[in-house]
Amino acid sequence: MDIQTYIDYVSYDVQKRYHRKPEGPVTCPMCNGDLTESSIEPSKAMKEHIEGPDYDYGSSLLFVCNQCRWWCVREHYEFVDGGAGMRYGLDYLIVSTAKAGKSEEPGSAPVEDAQPWLKALVDPGVYNKVKKLPEELAVLFKRVRRE
């Protein structure tokens, strides 16, 4: 029996799409299932940004589908550039991608398959090739006026 495992990922820039920070994501793009939201430690890549003196506030959140186990990580952090007197932010979404595989005996999955988002969180280059958030993922967020 073939199943979908969500071990690979791609990163998107949420902020460039919206004028105001949207809530979410709110539903699973694979099965329209409900997502469970959990606060997590910042990714290794984000930690490099928030260690500086301009960090103000933010959050790292993990979303996991209750039905199909699709996952994503949203990291939104705000900074104040004291020299320029401006506020700016980073708002990224790491989205899992499906990889077909053979089903395994229950309980035999490796730890990284049980928590596949850990691979993305320890990747220092997870935001090196951030893509524009596509419409099919933008619909996952509660609607806000588009810029």
N, C-alpha and C. Protein backbone atom coordinates (compact mmCIF):
# COMPACT_ATOMS: atom_id res chain seq x y z
N MET A 1 0.85 -1.18 0.00
CA MET A 1 0.00 0.00 0.00
C MET A 1 0.89 1.24 0.00
N ASP A 2 0.62 2.18 -0.89
CA ASP A 2 1.38 3.42 -0.94
C ASP A 2 0.73 4.46 -0.05
N ILE A 3 1.58 5.23 0.64
CA ILE A 3 1.11 6.32 1.48
C ILE A 3 1.92 7.55 1.12
N GLN A 4 1.46 8.69 1.56
CA GLN A 4 2.21 9.93 1.37
C GLN A 4 2.94 10.25 2.66
N THR A 5 4.23 10.51 2.54
CA THR A 5 4.99 10.98 3.69
C THR A 5 5.43 12.39 3.37
N TYR A 6 5.43 13.23 4.35
CA TYR A 6 5.73 14.64 4.17
C TYR A 6 7.07 14.97 4.82
N ILE A 7 8.15 14.57 4.12
CA ILE A 7 9.48 14.75 4.70
C ILE A 7 10.29 15.85 4.01
N ASP A 8 9.92 16.20 2.80
CA ASP A 8 10.61 17.28 2.10
C ASP A 8 9.85 18.57 2.32
N TYR A 9 10.46 19.70 1.94
CA TYR A 9 9.83 20.99 2.23
C TYR A 9 10.33 22.05 1.27
N VAL A 10 9.55 23.14 1.22
CA VAL A 10 9.90 24.34 0.46
C VAL A 10 9.46 25.54 1.29
N SER A 11 10.17 26.66 1.14
CA SER A 11 9.88 27.85 1.95
C SER A 11 9.27 28.95 1.10
N TYR A 12 8.32 29.69 1.69
CA TYR A 12 7.63 30.77 1.01
C TYR A 12 7.65 32.03 1.86
N ASP A 13 7.58 33.17 1.18
CA ASP A 13 7.51 34.47 1.85
C ASP A 13 6.05 34.88 1.94
N VAL A 14 5.51 34.93 3.14
CA VAL A 14 4.12 35.30 3.36
C VAL A 14 3.95 36.81 3.31
N GLN A 15 4.90 37.54 3.88
CA GLN A 15 4.78 38.99 4.03
C GLN A 15 4.65 39.72 2.71
N LYS A 16 5.34 39.27 1.68
CA LYS A 16 5.31 39.98 0.41
C LYS A 16 3.94 39.91 -0.27
N ARG A 17 3.08 39.00 0.17
CA ARG A 17 1.77 38.85 -0.44
C ARG A 17 0.69 39.70 0.24
N TYR A 18 0.87 40.01 1.51
CA TYR A 18 -0.19 40.65 2.28
C TYR A 18 0.21 42.02 2.82
N HIS A 19 -0.77 42.91 2.89
CA HIS A 19 -0.59 44.23 3.49
C HIS A 19 -0.57 44.11 5.02
N ARG A 20 -1.45 43.25 5.54
CA ARG A 20 -1.52 42.98 6.98
C ARG A 20 -1.27 41.50 7.21
N LYS A 21 -0.71 41.18 8.37
CA LYS A 21 -0.40 39.80 8.70
C LYS A 21 -1.69 38.96 8.74
N PRO A 22 -1.78 37.92 7.90
CA PRO A 22 -2.96 37.05 7.94
C PRO A 22 -2.85 36.03 9.06
N GLU A 23 -3.97 35.49 9.48
CA GLU A 23 -3.98 34.42 10.47
C GLU A 23 -3.87 33.09 9.76
N GLY A 24 -3.20 32.17 10.38
CA GLY A 24 -3.19 30.85 9.80
C GLY A 24 -1.80 30.33 9.52
N PRO A 25 -1.80 29.26 8.79
CA PRO A 25 -2.85 28.66 7.97
C PRO A 25 -3.96 28.04 8.82
N VAL A 26 -5.12 27.87 8.18
CA VAL A 26 -6.29 27.41 8.93
C VAL A 26 -6.80 26.05 8.48
N THR A 27 -6.44 25.57 7.28
CA THR A 27 -6.86 24.25 6.82
C THR A 27 -5.72 23.57 6.06
N CYS A 28 -5.81 22.27 5.96
CA CYS A 28 -4.82 21.48 5.24
C CYS A 28 -5.06 21.57 3.74
N PRO A 29 -4.03 21.83 2.93
CA PRO A 29 -4.21 21.92 1.48
C PRO A 29 -4.38 20.55 0.82
N MET A 30 -4.04 19.48 1.52
CA MET A 30 -4.12 18.14 0.95
C MET A 30 -5.49 17.50 1.12
N CYS A 31 -6.09 17.70 2.31
CA CYS A 31 -7.36 17.01 2.58
C CYS A 31 -8.43 17.91 3.18
N ASN A 32 -8.13 19.20 3.32
CA ASN A 32 -9.03 20.17 3.96
C ASN A 32 -9.30 19.85 5.42
N GLY A 33 -8.43 19.05 6.03
CA GLY A 33 -8.58 18.70 7.43
C GLY A 33 -8.20 19.84 8.35
N ASP A 34 -8.54 19.69 9.62
CA ASP A 34 -8.19 20.69 10.63
C ASP A 34 -6.71 20.56 10.98
N LEU A 35 -6.13 21.70 11.33
CA LEU A 35 -4.73 21.74 11.71
C LEU A 35 -4.61 21.97 13.21
N THR A 36 -3.65 21.28 13.82
CA THR A 36 -3.30 21.52 15.21
C THR A 36 -2.12 22.47 15.22
N GLU A 37 -2.21 23.53 16.00
CA GLU A 37 -1.17 24.55 16.08
C GLU A 37 -0.40 24.40 17.39
N SER A 38 0.94 24.43 17.28
CA SER A 38 1.80 24.33 18.47
C SER A 38 2.92 25.36 18.37
N SER A 39 3.23 25.98 19.49
CA SER A 39 4.40 26.87 19.54
C SER A 39 5.66 26.00 19.60
N ILE A 40 6.68 26.41 18.84
CA ILE A 40 7.94 25.68 18.82
C ILE A 40 9.09 26.67 18.93
N GLU A 41 10.28 26.16 19.14
CA GLU A 41 11.48 26.98 19.16
C GLU A 41 11.75 27.49 17.74
N PRO A 42 12.34 28.66 17.59
CA PRO A 42 12.67 29.16 16.25
C PRO A 42 13.62 28.22 15.52
N SER A 43 13.52 28.23 14.21
CA SER A 43 14.42 27.42 13.39
C SER A 43 15.85 27.94 13.54
N LYS A 44 16.79 27.12 13.15
CA LYS A 44 18.20 27.53 13.21
C LYS A 44 18.42 28.78 12.36
N ALA A 45 17.78 28.83 11.20
CA ALA A 45 17.92 29.99 10.30
C ALA A 45 17.34 31.26 10.94
N MET A 46 16.21 31.16 11.62
CA MET A 46 15.59 32.34 12.22
C MET A 46 16.35 32.79 13.46
N LYS A 47 16.94 31.85 14.19
CA LYS A 47 17.70 32.21 15.38
C LYS A 47 18.81 33.20 15.05
N GLU A 48 19.40 33.06 13.87
CA GLU A 48 20.45 33.99 13.46
C GLU A 48 19.93 35.42 13.35
N HIS A 49 18.68 35.58 12.95
CA HIS A 49 18.08 36.92 12.83
C HIS A 49 17.70 37.50 14.19
N ILE A 50 17.12 36.67 15.05
CA ILE A 50 16.58 37.21 16.30
C ILE A 50 17.64 37.36 17.39
N GLU A 51 18.86 36.94 17.13
CA GLU A 51 19.93 37.15 18.11
C GLU A 51 20.43 38.59 18.08
N GLY A 52 20.09 39.34 17.04
CA GLY A 52 20.56 40.72 16.93
C GLY A 52 19.80 41.68 17.82
N PRO A 53 20.30 42.89 17.96
CA PRO A 53 19.69 43.88 18.86
C PRO A 53 18.37 44.45 18.34
N ASP A 54 18.05 44.28 17.07
CA ASP A 54 16.83 44.87 16.51
C ASP A 54 15.59 44.00 16.71
N TYR A 55 15.74 42.79 17.24
CA TYR A 55 14.60 41.90 17.43
C TYR A 55 13.61 42.51 18.43
N ASP A 56 12.31 42.48 18.07
CA ASP A 56 11.26 43.02 18.93
C ASP A 56 10.38 41.89 19.47
N TYR A 57 9.69 41.19 18.60
CA TYR A 57 8.83 40.08 19.03
C TYR A 57 8.55 39.16 17.86
N GLY A 58 7.96 38.01 18.13
CA GLY A 58 7.59 37.10 17.06
C GLY A 58 7.23 35.73 17.58
N SER A 59 7.00 34.80 16.62
CA SER A 59 6.62 33.44 16.99
C SER A 59 7.02 32.46 15.90
N SER A 60 7.23 31.24 16.34
CA SER A 60 7.43 30.10 15.45
C SER A 60 6.32 29.11 15.80
N LEU A 61 5.54 28.73 14.80
CA LEU A 61 4.40 27.86 15.03
C LEU A 61 4.45 26.66 14.09
N LEU A 62 4.12 25.50 14.62
CA LEU A 62 4.01 24.27 13.84
C LEU A 62 2.54 23.96 13.65
N PHE A 63 2.14 23.65 12.42
CA PHE A 63 0.78 23.25 12.10
C PHE A 63 0.83 21.84 11.52
N VAL A 64 0.05 20.92 12.09
CA VAL A 64 0.01 19.54 11.62
C VAL A 64 -1.44 19.15 11.38
N CYS A 65 -1.69 18.53 10.21
CA CYS A 65 -3.05 18.10 9.89
C CYS A 65 -3.43 16.90 10.76
N ASN A 66 -4.61 16.97 11.34
CA ASN A 66 -5.09 15.90 12.20
C ASN A 66 -5.45 14.63 11.42
N GLN A 67 -5.66 14.77 10.09
CA GLN A 67 -6.07 13.61 9.30
C GLN A 67 -4.93 12.99 8.51
N CYS A 68 -4.24 13.78 7.69
CA CYS A 68 -3.24 13.21 6.78
C CYS A 68 -1.80 13.44 7.22
N ARG A 69 -1.58 14.19 8.29
CA ARG A 69 -0.26 14.48 8.87
C ARG A 69 0.59 15.43 8.04
N TRP A 70 -0.02 16.14 7.06
CA TRP A 70 0.69 17.21 6.35
C TRP A 70 1.09 18.23 7.42
N TRP A 71 2.20 18.94 7.19
CA TRP A 71 2.67 19.91 8.18
C TRP A 71 3.24 21.15 7.51
N CYS A 72 3.32 22.21 8.29
CA CYS A 72 4.01 23.42 7.88
C CYS A 72 4.47 24.17 9.13
N VAL A 73 5.45 25.03 8.94
CA VAL A 73 5.96 25.87 10.03
C VAL A 73 5.84 27.31 9.58
N ARG A 74 5.28 28.15 10.42
CA ARG A 74 5.20 29.58 10.13
C ARG A 74 6.04 30.33 11.15
N GLU A 75 6.94 31.15 10.64
CA GLU A 75 7.78 31.96 11.51
C GLU A 75 7.57 33.42 11.14
N HIS A 76 7.07 34.18 12.12
CA HIS A 76 6.80 35.61 11.93
C HIS A 76 7.51 36.36 13.05
N TYR A 77 8.45 37.22 12.67
CA TYR A 77 9.21 37.99 13.64
C TYR A 77 9.30 39.44 13.20
N GLU A 78 9.21 40.33 14.16
CA GLU A 78 9.27 41.77 13.91
C GLU A 78 10.57 42.35 14.47
N PHE A 79 11.08 43.34 13.77
CA PHE A 79 12.34 43.98 14.14
C PHE A 79 12.17 45.49 14.05
N VAL A 80 12.97 46.21 14.82
CA VAL A 80 12.99 47.67 14.77
C VAL A 80 14.40 48.09 14.38
N ASP A 81 14.49 48.83 13.30
CA ASP A 81 15.79 49.35 12.86
C ASP A 81 15.95 50.71 13.53
N GLY A 82 16.63 50.72 14.67
CA GLY A 82 16.78 51.94 15.47
C GLY A 82 17.43 53.07 14.71
N GLY A 83 18.40 52.78 13.88
CA GLY A 83 19.10 53.81 13.12
C GLY A 83 18.20 54.52 12.13
N ALA A 84 17.30 53.77 11.51
CA ALA A 84 16.41 54.34 10.51
C ALA A 84 15.03 54.66 11.10
N GLY A 85 14.79 54.23 12.32
CA GLY A 85 13.49 54.48 12.95
C GLY A 85 12.36 53.76 12.23
N MET A 86 12.63 52.59 11.67
CA MET A 86 11.62 51.84 10.91
C MET A 86 11.39 50.47 11.54
N ARG A 87 10.24 49.93 11.29
CA ARG A 87 9.88 48.58 11.72
C ARG A 87 9.80 47.71 10.46
N TYR A 88 10.31 46.50 10.57
CA TYR A 88 10.20 45.55 9.46
C TYR A 88 10.02 44.15 10.03
N GLY A 89 9.62 43.23 9.19
CA GLY A 89 9.36 41.88 9.67
C GLY A 89 9.77 40.82 8.68
N LEU A 90 9.84 39.63 9.20
CA LEU A 90 10.06 38.43 8.41
C LEU A 90 8.87 37.52 8.66
N ASP A 91 8.28 36.99 7.63
CA ASP A 91 7.12 36.11 7.76
C ASP A 91 7.26 35.01 6.72
N TYR A 92 7.71 33.85 7.18
CA TYR A 92 7.98 32.73 6.27
C TYR A 92 7.11 31.53 6.61
N LEU A 93 6.84 30.75 5.58
CA LEU A 93 6.08 29.51 5.73
C LEU A 93 6.90 28.39 5.12
N ILE A 94 7.25 27.41 5.93
CA ILE A 94 7.92 26.20 5.45
C ILE A 94 6.82 25.17 5.25
N VAL A 95 6.68 24.68 4.03
CA VAL A 95 5.58 23.78 3.68
C VAL A 95 6.13 22.41 3.33
N SER A 96 5.53 21.37 3.91
CA SER A 96 5.95 20.02 3.60
C SER A 96 5.45 19.63 2.21
N THR A 97 6.24 18.81 1.56
CA THR A 97 5.86 18.29 0.24
C THR A 97 5.78 16.78 0.33
N ALA A 98 4.89 16.21 -0.44
CA ALA A 98 4.63 14.77 -0.37
C ALA A 98 5.70 13.98 -1.12
N LYS A 99 5.98 12.82 -0.57
CA LYS A 99 6.87 11.87 -1.21
C LYS A 99 6.21 10.51 -1.05
N ALA A 100 5.94 9.85 -2.17
CA ALA A 100 5.28 8.54 -2.11
C ALA A 100 6.23 7.53 -1.50
N GLY A 101 5.68 6.62 -0.75
CA GLY A 101 6.51 5.58 -0.15
C GLY A 101 5.66 4.38 0.19
N LYS A 102 6.33 3.33 0.61
CA LYS A 102 5.62 2.13 1.01
C LYS A 102 5.28 2.23 2.48
N SER A 103 4.12 1.71 2.81
CA SER A 103 3.73 1.75 4.22
C SER A 103 4.62 0.79 5.01
N GLU A 104 4.84 1.13 6.25
CA GLU A 104 5.68 0.31 7.11
C GLU A 104 4.84 -0.22 8.25
N GLU A 105 5.40 -1.15 8.95
CA GLU A 105 4.73 -1.70 10.12
C GLU A 105 4.53 -0.58 11.14
N PRO A 106 3.41 -0.55 11.83
CA PRO A 106 3.20 0.47 12.86
C PRO A 106 4.33 0.46 13.88
N GLY A 107 4.80 1.65 14.23
CA GLY A 107 5.86 1.78 15.22
C GLY A 107 7.26 1.61 14.66
N SER A 108 7.40 1.34 13.35
CA SER A 108 8.72 1.12 12.80
C SER A 108 9.28 2.35 12.08
N ALA A 109 8.54 3.43 12.06
CA ALA A 109 8.99 4.64 11.37
C ALA A 109 10.14 5.28 12.13
N PRO A 110 11.18 5.73 11.42
CA PRO A 110 12.27 6.43 12.11
C PRO A 110 11.78 7.73 12.74
N VAL A 111 12.56 8.24 13.69
CA VAL A 111 12.18 9.45 14.42
C VAL A 111 11.94 10.61 13.45
N GLU A 112 12.79 10.77 12.41
CA GLU A 112 12.60 11.90 11.49
C GLU A 112 11.30 11.79 10.72
N ASP A 113 10.76 10.57 10.54
CA ASP A 113 9.46 10.42 9.91
C ASP A 113 8.34 10.76 10.89
N ALA A 114 8.57 10.53 12.18
CA ALA A 114 7.56 10.86 13.19
C ALA A 114 7.45 12.36 13.38
N GLN A 115 8.56 13.08 13.22
CA GLN A 115 8.59 14.54 13.32
C GLN A 115 9.41 15.09 12.15
N PRO A 116 8.88 14.98 10.93
CA PRO A 116 9.66 15.34 9.74
C PRO A 116 10.03 16.81 9.65
N TRP A 117 9.34 17.68 10.37
CA TRP A 117 9.65 19.11 10.36
C TRP A 117 11.00 19.42 11.01
N LEU A 118 11.53 18.52 11.82
CA LEU A 118 12.81 18.75 12.46
C LEU A 118 13.93 18.94 11.44
N LYS A 119 13.83 18.26 10.31
CA LYS A 119 14.82 18.42 9.23
C LYS A 119 14.86 19.87 8.75
N ALA A 120 13.71 20.47 8.57
CA ALA A 120 13.64 21.87 8.13
C ALA A 120 14.13 22.82 9.21
N LEU A 121 13.78 22.55 10.44
CA LEU A 121 14.13 23.45 11.54
C LEU A 121 15.63 23.53 11.81
N VAL A 122 16.37 22.48 11.50
CA VAL A 122 17.82 22.50 11.74
C VAL A 122 18.59 22.90 10.48
N ASP A 123 17.90 23.12 9.38
CA ASP A 123 18.54 23.51 8.12
C ASP A 123 18.87 25.00 8.16
N PRO A 124 20.17 25.38 8.22
CA PRO A 124 20.51 26.81 8.29
C PRO A 124 20.19 27.55 6.99
N GLY A 125 19.97 26.83 5.91
CA GLY A 125 19.65 27.46 4.63
C GLY A 125 18.19 27.34 4.22
N VAL A 126 17.32 27.04 5.17
CA VAL A 126 15.91 26.83 4.85
C VAL A 126 15.27 28.04 4.17
N TYR A 127 15.79 29.25 4.43
CA TYR A 127 15.23 30.45 3.82
C TYR A 127 16.11 31.04 2.71
N ASN A 128 17.09 30.29 2.26
CA ASN A 128 17.99 30.80 1.21
C ASN A 128 17.31 30.92 -0.15
N LYS A 129 16.31 30.08 -0.41
CA LYS A 129 15.62 30.10 -1.71
C LYS A 129 14.12 30.25 -1.49
N VAL A 130 13.74 31.27 -0.76
CA VAL A 130 12.33 31.52 -0.46
C VAL A 130 11.59 31.89 -1.75
N LYS A 131 10.42 31.28 -1.92
CA LYS A 131 9.62 31.52 -3.12
C LYS A 131 8.42 32.42 -2.79
N LYS A 132 7.84 32.94 -3.84
CA LYS A 132 6.61 33.73 -3.72
C LYS A 132 5.48 32.78 -3.32
N LEU A 133 4.66 33.20 -2.37
CA LEU A 133 3.55 32.37 -1.90
C LEU A 133 2.51 32.23 -3.01
N PRO A 134 2.27 31.01 -3.52
CA PRO A 134 1.30 30.83 -4.61
C PRO A 134 -0.14 30.90 -4.11
N GLU A 135 -1.05 31.16 -5.01
CA GLU A 135 -2.47 31.30 -4.69
C GLU A 135 -3.02 30.06 -3.98
N GLU A 136 -2.60 28.87 -4.41
CA GLU A 136 -3.13 27.65 -3.79
C GLU A 136 -2.75 27.52 -2.32
N LEU A 137 -1.68 28.19 -1.90
CA LEU A 137 -1.34 28.21 -0.48
C LEU A 137 -1.89 29.46 0.21
N ALA A 138 -2.06 30.53 -0.52
CA ALA A 138 -2.62 31.76 0.06
C ALA A 138 -4.04 31.53 0.58
N VAL A 139 -4.78 30.63 -0.04
CA VAL A 139 -6.15 30.36 0.39
C VAL A 139 -6.21 29.65 1.75
N LEU A 140 -5.07 29.18 2.23
CA LEU A 140 -5.04 28.52 3.53
C LEU A 140 -5.17 29.50 4.69
N PHE A 141 -4.90 30.77 4.42
CA PHE A 141 -4.94 31.78 5.47
C PHE A 141 -6.31 32.43 5.52
N LYS A 142 -6.66 32.94 6.72
CA LYS A 142 -7.89 33.71 6.82
C LYS A 142 -7.74 34.92 5.92
N ARG A 143 -8.76 35.23 5.18
CA ARG A 143 -8.72 36.29 4.18
C ARG A 143 -8.40 37.66 4.79
N VAL A 144 -7.46 38.31 4.18
CA VAL A 144 -7.16 39.72 4.47
C VAL A 144 -7.03 40.41 3.11
N ARG A 145 -7.15 41.69 3.15
CA ARG A 145 -7.06 42.44 1.90
C ARG A 145 -5.66 42.29 1.33
N ARG A 146 -5.59 41.94 0.06
CA ARG A 146 -4.31 41.78 -0.61
C ARG A 146 -3.76 43.13 -1.00
N GLU A 147 -2.45 43.26 -0.89
CA GLU A 147 -1.79 44.53 -1.21
C GLU A 147 -1.77 44.75 -2.70
